[in-house]
N, C-alpha and C. Protein backbone atom coordinates (compact mmCIF):
# COMPACT_ATOMS: atom_id res chain seq x y z
N MET A 1 1.00 -1.09 0.12
CA MET A 1 0.06 -0.04 0.03
C MET A 1 0.81 1.30 0.03
N PRO A 2 0.49 2.09 -0.94
CA PRO A 2 1.41 3.34 -1.06
C PRO A 2 1.33 4.24 0.37
N THR A 3 2.33 5.03 0.60
CA THR A 3 2.30 6.03 1.58
C THR A 3 1.42 7.23 1.22
N ARG A 4 0.64 7.48 2.09
CA ARG A 4 -0.23 8.64 1.73
C ARG A 4 0.44 9.93 2.29
N ILE A 5 0.33 11.00 1.43
CA ILE A 5 0.86 12.32 1.73
C ILE A 5 -0.23 13.37 1.95
N TYR A 6 -0.07 14.07 3.08
CA TYR A 6 -0.95 15.07 3.39
C TYR A 6 -0.33 16.40 3.61
N ASN A 7 0.76 16.51 3.35
CA ASN A 7 1.49 17.75 3.49
C ASN A 7 1.09 18.69 2.30
N ARG A 8 0.57 19.87 2.52
CA ARG A 8 0.30 20.69 1.40
C ARG A 8 1.38 21.31 0.69
N GLY A 9 2.63 21.18 1.28
CA GLY A 9 3.76 21.64 0.52
C GLY A 9 4.30 20.65 -0.63
N VAL A 10 3.76 19.53 -0.75
CA VAL A 10 4.10 18.48 -1.74
C VAL A 10 3.31 18.96 -2.88
N PRO A 11 4.00 18.71 -4.16
CA PRO A 11 3.24 18.94 -5.38
C PRO A 11 2.01 18.08 -5.51
N LEU A 12 0.92 18.81 -6.16
CA LEU A 12 -0.34 18.11 -6.35
C LEU A 12 -0.32 16.51 -6.93
N LEU A 13 0.63 16.69 -8.02
CA LEU A 13 0.94 15.44 -8.71
C LEU A 13 1.33 14.24 -7.71
N ASP A 14 2.21 14.43 -6.88
CA ASP A 14 2.70 13.54 -5.80
C ASP A 14 1.63 13.08 -4.84
N ARG A 15 0.86 14.15 -4.32
CA ARG A 15 -0.23 13.87 -3.40
C ARG A 15 -1.28 13.06 -4.06
N TRP A 16 -1.58 13.22 -5.39
CA TRP A 16 -2.67 12.63 -6.12
C TRP A 16 -2.26 11.06 -6.26
N ALA A 17 -0.96 10.93 -6.66
CA ALA A 17 -0.35 9.64 -7.09
C ALA A 17 -0.20 8.75 -5.66
N ALA A 18 -0.09 9.41 -4.64
CA ALA A 18 0.23 8.63 -3.28
C ALA A 18 -1.26 8.00 -2.98
N HIS A 19 -2.17 8.30 -3.46
CA HIS A 19 -3.69 7.84 -3.26
C HIS A 19 -4.24 6.89 -4.13
N VAL A 20 -3.41 6.47 -5.39
CA VAL A 20 -3.79 5.78 -6.17
C VAL A 20 -3.08 4.41 -6.24
N ILE A 21 -4.10 3.32 -6.49
CA ILE A 21 -3.48 1.86 -6.54
C ILE A 21 -4.05 1.24 -7.60
N ALA A 22 -3.31 0.43 -8.37
CA ALA A 22 -3.49 -0.29 -9.66
C ALA A 22 -4.28 -1.39 -9.20
N GLU A 23 -5.41 -1.86 -9.99
CA GLU A 23 -6.44 -2.92 -9.78
C GLU A 23 -6.12 -3.77 -10.92
N PRO A 24 -6.48 -5.14 -10.62
CA PRO A 24 -6.42 -6.26 -11.86
C PRO A 24 -7.22 -5.85 -13.04
N SER A 25 -8.47 -5.14 -12.70
CA SER A 25 -9.38 -4.72 -13.76
C SER A 25 -8.74 -3.69 -14.74
N GLY A 26 -7.51 -3.11 -14.63
CA GLY A 26 -7.11 -2.04 -15.25
C GLY A 26 -7.48 -0.76 -14.66
N CYS A 27 -8.44 -0.75 -13.72
CA CYS A 27 -8.78 0.56 -13.17
C CYS A 27 -7.72 1.04 -12.13
N TRP A 28 -7.68 2.36 -11.86
CA TRP A 28 -6.72 2.79 -10.67
C TRP A 28 -7.68 3.22 -9.60
N GLY A 29 -7.69 2.46 -8.56
CA GLY A 29 -8.56 2.85 -7.44
C GLY A 29 -7.99 3.88 -6.67
N TRP A 30 -8.85 4.60 -6.06
CA TRP A 30 -8.62 5.89 -5.20
C TRP A 30 -8.73 5.49 -3.73
N LEU A 31 -7.57 5.57 -2.98
CA LEU A 31 -7.36 5.20 -1.56
C LEU A 31 -7.94 6.46 -0.75
N GLY A 32 -7.94 7.57 -1.24
CA GLY A 32 -8.37 8.69 -0.39
C GLY A 32 -9.81 8.72 0.00
N ALA A 33 -10.24 10.12 0.33
CA ALA A 33 -11.53 10.22 0.69
C ALA A 33 -12.51 9.96 -0.49
N HIS A 34 -13.94 9.52 -0.45
CA HIS A 34 -14.77 9.35 -1.30
C HIS A 34 -16.09 10.21 -1.07
N THR A 35 -16.80 10.43 -2.16
CA THR A 35 -17.96 11.04 -1.82
C THR A 35 -19.24 9.93 -1.55
N PRO A 36 -20.30 10.33 -1.05
CA PRO A 36 -21.37 9.27 -1.02
C PRO A 36 -21.67 8.40 -2.31
N TYR A 37 -21.33 8.96 -3.25
CA TYR A 37 -21.55 8.26 -4.75
C TYR A 37 -20.47 7.36 -5.00
N GLY A 38 -19.19 7.41 -4.31
CA GLY A 38 -18.21 6.48 -4.80
C GLY A 38 -17.07 7.43 -5.31
N TYR A 39 -17.17 8.56 -5.75
CA TYR A 39 -16.22 9.20 -6.49
C TYR A 39 -15.17 9.89 -5.29
N GLY A 40 -13.86 9.68 -5.73
CA GLY A 40 -12.83 10.05 -4.98
C GLY A 40 -12.68 11.54 -5.06
N HIS A 41 -12.13 12.25 -3.72
CA HIS A 41 -12.01 13.67 -4.01
C HIS A 41 -10.79 14.11 -3.16
N LEU A 42 -10.11 15.21 -3.52
CA LEU A 42 -9.06 15.70 -2.59
C LEU A 42 -8.88 17.12 -2.62
N ASN A 43 -8.13 17.60 -1.69
CA ASN A 43 -7.85 18.99 -1.52
C ASN A 43 -7.01 19.55 -2.49
N VAL A 44 -7.24 20.46 -3.30
CA VAL A 44 -6.52 21.06 -4.36
C VAL A 44 -5.89 22.43 -3.91
N GLY A 45 -5.98 22.76 -2.70
CA GLY A 45 -5.57 24.02 -2.26
C GLY A 45 -6.43 24.90 -1.42
N GLY A 46 -5.97 25.16 -0.23
CA GLY A 46 -6.92 26.00 0.51
C GLY A 46 -8.06 25.15 0.96
N SER A 47 -9.17 25.67 0.87
CA SER A 47 -10.48 24.98 1.23
C SER A 47 -11.10 24.40 0.11
N ARG A 48 -10.44 24.26 -1.15
CA ARG A 48 -11.08 23.90 -2.37
C ARG A 48 -10.73 22.30 -2.54
N TYR A 49 -11.83 21.64 -2.86
CA TYR A 49 -11.86 20.17 -3.14
C TYR A 49 -12.18 19.99 -4.59
N ASP A 50 -11.77 18.93 -5.41
CA ASP A 50 -12.21 18.52 -6.62
C ASP A 50 -11.99 17.04 -6.69
N SER A 51 -12.81 16.48 -7.69
CA SER A 51 -12.92 15.06 -7.94
C SER A 51 -11.40 14.56 -8.27
N ALA A 52 -11.14 13.46 -7.97
CA ALA A 52 -9.85 13.00 -8.01
C ALA A 52 -9.64 12.42 -9.47
N TYR A 53 -10.68 12.03 -10.03
CA TYR A 53 -10.56 11.64 -11.46
C TYR A 53 -10.25 12.88 -12.33
N ARG A 54 -11.05 13.93 -12.15
CA ARG A 54 -10.69 15.10 -12.89
C ARG A 54 -9.20 15.80 -12.68
N VAL A 55 -8.79 15.80 -11.25
CA VAL A 55 -7.56 16.10 -11.03
C VAL A 55 -6.49 15.43 -11.89
N GLY A 56 -6.68 13.94 -11.73
CA GLY A 56 -5.69 13.23 -12.57
C GLY A 56 -5.80 13.29 -14.01
N TYR A 57 -7.06 13.56 -14.57
CA TYR A 57 -7.08 13.84 -15.87
C TYR A 57 -6.37 15.11 -16.26
N ARG A 58 -6.59 16.01 -15.59
CA ARG A 58 -5.77 17.55 -15.74
C ARG A 58 -4.27 17.18 -15.75
N LEU A 59 -3.81 16.50 -14.79
CA LEU A 59 -2.31 16.50 -14.54
C LEU A 59 -1.74 15.59 -15.62
N LEU A 60 -2.45 14.37 -15.99
CA LEU A 60 -1.70 13.62 -16.79
C LEU A 60 -2.13 13.73 -18.44
N ILE A 61 -3.27 14.24 -18.63
CA ILE A 61 -3.89 14.51 -20.09
C ILE A 61 -3.82 15.87 -20.41
N GLY A 62 -4.43 16.69 -19.60
CA GLY A 62 -4.67 18.02 -19.94
C GLY A 62 -6.19 18.43 -19.59
N GLU A 63 -6.47 19.81 -19.84
CA GLU A 63 -7.70 20.27 -19.51
C GLU A 63 -8.86 19.73 -20.24
N VAL A 64 -10.01 19.68 -19.50
CA VAL A 64 -11.28 19.07 -20.20
C VAL A 64 -11.64 20.20 -21.26
N PRO A 65 -11.96 19.78 -22.54
CA PRO A 65 -12.46 20.86 -23.38
C PRO A 65 -13.82 21.64 -22.72
N GLU A 66 -13.76 22.76 -23.05
CA GLU A 66 -15.01 23.71 -22.63
C GLU A 66 -16.29 23.09 -23.14
N GLY A 67 -17.27 22.95 -22.17
CA GLY A 67 -18.64 22.43 -22.63
C GLY A 67 -18.64 21.02 -22.46
N LEU A 68 -17.64 20.22 -22.04
CA LEU A 68 -17.54 18.74 -21.98
C LEU A 68 -17.32 18.43 -20.55
N GLU A 69 -17.71 17.15 -20.19
CA GLU A 69 -17.58 16.55 -18.87
C GLU A 69 -16.95 15.29 -19.13
N LEU A 70 -16.11 14.66 -18.11
CA LEU A 70 -15.65 13.39 -18.16
C LEU A 70 -16.63 12.23 -18.07
N ASP A 71 -16.47 11.24 -18.77
CA ASP A 71 -17.39 10.16 -18.77
C ASP A 71 -16.54 8.81 -18.28
N HIS A 72 -16.89 8.12 -17.17
CA HIS A 72 -16.04 6.89 -17.00
C HIS A 72 -16.48 5.77 -17.95
N LEU A 73 -15.61 5.35 -18.70
CA LEU A 73 -15.90 4.48 -19.74
C LEU A 73 -16.03 3.02 -19.06
N CYS A 74 -15.34 2.83 -17.81
CA CYS A 74 -15.16 1.50 -17.12
C CYS A 74 -16.46 1.44 -16.18
N ARG A 75 -17.26 2.45 -16.08
CA ARG A 75 -18.38 2.53 -15.24
C ARG A 75 -18.10 2.30 -13.55
N ASN A 76 -16.81 2.60 -13.31
CA ASN A 76 -16.27 2.63 -12.03
C ASN A 76 -16.25 3.99 -11.47
N PRO A 77 -17.06 4.48 -10.66
CA PRO A 77 -16.95 5.76 -10.15
C PRO A 77 -15.64 6.13 -9.35
N GLY A 78 -14.91 5.06 -8.81
CA GLY A 78 -13.95 5.31 -7.84
C GLY A 78 -12.55 5.09 -8.71
N CYS A 79 -12.81 4.98 -9.90
CA CYS A 79 -11.42 4.70 -10.92
C CYS A 79 -10.88 6.19 -11.27
N VAL A 80 -9.61 6.40 -11.22
CA VAL A 80 -9.13 7.50 -11.65
C VAL A 80 -8.13 7.34 -12.71
N ASN A 81 -8.11 6.30 -13.60
CA ASN A 81 -7.36 6.29 -14.57
C ASN A 81 -7.72 6.99 -15.56
N PRO A 82 -6.87 7.88 -16.21
CA PRO A 82 -7.35 8.93 -17.05
C PRO A 82 -7.56 8.14 -18.58
N THR A 83 -6.94 7.07 -18.80
CA THR A 83 -7.46 6.44 -20.13
C THR A 83 -8.94 5.66 -19.92
N HIS A 84 -9.54 5.60 -18.77
CA HIS A 84 -10.83 5.10 -18.78
C HIS A 84 -11.90 6.33 -18.68
N LEU A 85 -11.36 7.51 -19.04
CA LEU A 85 -12.05 8.70 -19.23
C LEU A 85 -12.14 9.32 -20.42
N GLU A 86 -13.35 9.75 -20.89
CA GLU A 86 -13.53 10.34 -22.16
C GLU A 86 -14.44 11.74 -21.91
N PRO A 87 -13.89 12.82 -22.54
CA PRO A 87 -14.74 14.01 -22.48
C PRO A 87 -15.96 13.83 -23.41
N VAL A 88 -17.08 14.03 -23.14
CA VAL A 88 -18.38 14.16 -23.62
C VAL A 88 -19.21 15.04 -23.29
N THR A 89 -20.40 15.30 -24.12
CA THR A 89 -21.30 16.41 -23.66
C THR A 89 -22.05 15.62 -22.56
N HIS A 90 -22.82 16.62 -21.95
CA HIS A 90 -23.59 16.13 -20.70
C HIS A 90 -24.70 15.03 -21.20
N ARG A 91 -25.18 15.22 -22.35
CA ARG A 91 -26.37 14.46 -22.82
C ARG A 91 -25.77 13.21 -23.20
N VAL A 92 -24.77 13.12 -23.72
CA VAL A 92 -24.23 11.77 -24.00
C VAL A 92 -23.69 11.01 -22.69
N ASN A 93 -23.24 11.80 -21.72
CA ASN A 93 -22.96 11.08 -20.38
C ASN A 93 -24.17 10.61 -19.70
N VAL A 94 -25.16 11.41 -19.83
CA VAL A 94 -26.52 10.80 -19.25
C VAL A 94 -26.96 9.68 -19.94
N PHE A 95 -27.07 9.66 -21.23
CA PHE A 95 -27.69 8.65 -22.01
C PHE A 95 -26.71 7.34 -21.93
N ARG A 96 -25.46 7.50 -21.51
CA ARG A 96 -24.51 6.25 -21.37
C ARG A 96 -24.91 5.60 -19.92
N GLY A 97 -25.56 6.22 -18.98
CA GLY A 97 -25.88 5.84 -17.76
C GLY A 97 -26.88 4.60 -17.72
N SER A 98 -27.02 4.26 -16.56
CA SER A 98 -27.89 2.98 -16.25
C SER A 98 -29.17 3.16 -15.74
N ASN A 99 -29.58 4.52 -15.72
CA ASN A 99 -30.87 4.89 -15.16
C ASN A 99 -31.91 4.14 -16.03
N ARG A 100 -33.00 3.60 -15.50
CA ARG A 100 -34.07 2.72 -16.20
C ARG A 100 -34.89 3.65 -16.99
N ARG A 101 -35.06 4.99 -16.50
CA ARG A 101 -35.80 5.66 -17.39
C ARG A 101 -35.05 6.14 -18.66
N ILE A 102 -33.82 6.36 -18.66
CA ILE A 102 -32.98 6.69 -19.66
C ILE A 102 -33.17 5.64 -20.72
N GLN A 103 -32.69 4.37 -20.19
CA GLN A 103 -32.76 3.08 -21.01
C GLN A 103 -34.13 2.88 -21.72
N ALA A 104 -35.18 3.16 -20.91
CA ALA A 104 -36.47 3.13 -21.45
C ALA A 104 -36.76 3.95 -22.80
N ALA A 105 -36.05 5.32 -22.46
CA ALA A 105 -36.20 6.20 -23.48
C ALA A 105 -35.50 5.64 -24.71
N ILE A 106 -34.42 5.32 -24.63
CA ILE A 106 -33.54 4.81 -25.58
C ILE A 106 -34.11 3.69 -26.44
N SER A 107 -34.86 2.69 -25.83
CA SER A 107 -35.49 1.68 -26.37
C SER A 107 -36.78 2.08 -26.90
N GLY A 108 -37.32 3.11 -26.60
CA GLY A 108 -38.75 3.60 -27.29
C GLY A 108 -39.83 2.99 -26.37
N THR A 109 -39.61 2.67 -25.29
CA THR A 109 -40.59 2.20 -24.42
C THR A 109 -40.76 3.05 -23.17
N CYS A 110 -41.84 2.96 -22.33
CA CYS A 110 -41.99 3.44 -21.05
C CYS A 110 -41.33 2.37 -19.88
N ILE A 111 -41.09 2.74 -18.66
CA ILE A 111 -40.31 2.05 -17.85
C ILE A 111 -41.17 0.67 -17.62
N ARG A 112 -42.51 0.53 -17.92
CA ARG A 112 -43.17 -0.85 -17.82
C ARG A 112 -43.39 -1.49 -19.16
N GLY A 113 -42.60 -0.98 -20.15
CA GLY A 113 -42.60 -1.73 -21.51
C GLY A 113 -43.70 -1.19 -22.29
N HIS A 114 -44.44 -0.21 -22.02
CA HIS A 114 -45.64 0.23 -23.21
C HIS A 114 -45.03 0.91 -24.28
N GLY A 115 -45.40 0.63 -25.41
CA GLY A 115 -44.78 1.26 -26.64
C GLY A 115 -45.07 2.67 -26.94
N PRO A 116 -44.42 3.40 -27.88
CA PRO A 116 -44.53 4.86 -28.14
C PRO A 116 -45.99 5.30 -28.59
N ASP A 117 -46.84 4.39 -28.94
CA ASP A 117 -48.16 4.74 -29.16
C ASP A 117 -48.98 5.29 -27.84
N ASN A 118 -48.38 4.96 -26.73
CA ASN A 118 -49.20 5.35 -25.45
C ASN A 118 -48.48 6.62 -24.99
N PHE A 119 -47.39 7.19 -25.66
CA PHE A 119 -46.82 8.42 -25.00
C PHE A 119 -47.67 9.67 -25.32
N ALA A 120 -47.70 10.56 -24.24
CA ALA A 120 -48.10 12.01 -24.45
C ALA A 120 -46.82 12.94 -24.56
N TYR A 121 -46.98 13.83 -25.37
CA TYR A 121 -45.84 14.62 -25.61
C TYR A 121 -46.17 16.20 -25.31
N ARG A 122 -45.16 16.69 -25.00
CA ARG A 122 -45.32 18.11 -24.64
C ARG A 122 -45.35 18.93 -25.87
N PRO A 123 -45.67 20.17 -25.92
CA PRO A 123 -45.72 21.02 -27.12
C PRO A 123 -44.44 21.22 -27.69
N ASP A 124 -43.35 21.05 -27.14
CA ASP A 124 -42.13 21.09 -27.73
C ASP A 124 -41.55 19.67 -28.32
N GLY A 125 -42.43 18.83 -28.30
CA GLY A 125 -42.08 17.45 -28.79
C GLY A 125 -41.39 16.44 -28.08
N ARG A 126 -41.20 16.82 -26.72
CA ARG A 126 -40.38 15.87 -25.75
C ARG A 126 -41.39 15.03 -25.21
N TYR A 127 -41.01 13.90 -24.84
CA TYR A 127 -41.89 12.79 -24.05
C TYR A 127 -42.30 13.24 -22.69
N HIS A 128 -43.67 13.16 -22.37
CA HIS A 128 -43.93 13.80 -21.33
C HIS A 128 -44.46 12.62 -20.16
N TYR A 129 -45.38 11.61 -20.70
CA TYR A 129 -45.85 10.79 -19.68
C TYR A 129 -46.30 9.58 -20.66
N CYS A 130 -46.71 8.30 -20.09
CA CYS A 130 -47.19 7.21 -20.76
C CYS A 130 -48.61 7.24 -20.25
N ARG A 131 -49.58 7.28 -21.30
CA ARG A 131 -51.18 7.14 -21.01
C ARG A 131 -51.45 5.97 -20.33
N ALA A 132 -50.83 4.85 -20.81
CA ALA A 132 -51.34 3.41 -20.12
C ALA A 132 -50.87 3.35 -18.63
N CYS A 133 -49.72 3.75 -18.45
CA CYS A 133 -49.42 3.87 -17.02
C CYS A 133 -50.06 4.90 -16.27
N ARG A 134 -50.54 6.08 -16.79
CA ARG A 134 -51.27 6.99 -15.95
C ARG A 134 -52.64 6.19 -15.70
N ARG A 135 -53.19 5.65 -16.69
CA ARG A 135 -54.40 4.66 -16.45
C ARG A 135 -54.33 3.79 -15.34
N LEU A 136 -53.26 2.92 -15.24
CA LEU A 136 -53.09 2.03 -14.21
C LEU A 136 -52.78 2.82 -12.96
N TYR A 137 -52.29 3.93 -12.89
CA TYR A 137 -51.88 4.59 -11.73
C TYR A 137 -53.27 4.96 -11.14
N ARG A 138 -54.22 5.65 -11.85
CA ARG A 138 -55.56 6.32 -11.50
C ARG A 138 -56.38 5.17 -11.04
N LYS A 139 -56.17 4.03 -11.74
CA LYS A 139 -57.25 2.86 -11.21
C LYS A 139 -56.90 2.31 -9.89
N ASP A 140 -55.51 2.31 -9.62
CA ASP A 140 -55.15 1.81 -8.39
C ASP A 140 -55.38 2.88 -7.23
N ARG A 141 -55.45 4.07 -7.49
CA ARG A 141 -55.64 5.20 -6.65
C ARG A 141 -57.10 5.13 -6.17
N ARG A 142 -57.93 4.64 -7.14
CA ARG A 142 -59.42 4.54 -6.83
C ARG A 142 -59.88 3.45 -5.82
N ARG A 143 -58.84 2.51 -5.75
CA ARG A 143 -59.38 1.34 -4.67
C ARG A 143 -59.21 1.76 -3.33
């Protein structure tokens, strides 16, 4: 296990690297503090904290292009390996996620499997709700 470095006089790259450990999967695990969602974070100066994967990407690859965010290709939020990160738009990052509503929207069904013929749309053309699911919900509420 690497020695952890907490001295603020140590360069950021050395402090970041002291909290990284290689895993058999190819991911680089973060040994430092984590958020409740599993993302590592560290102090980058004063009272400022940043995500460990973003710090590693900036140190080893470069700045993230304006308007883009980093997507974990490995789907491991604790991974800080910059080769497992890809700069993408927020929309792409969300659609790559595993949220069941997003996956249903991609497949063209609602979360209960009803087809697009049941969809109600907003005036701007965006999907709003499933009519079949709403009927089931109202029926259950009447009981």
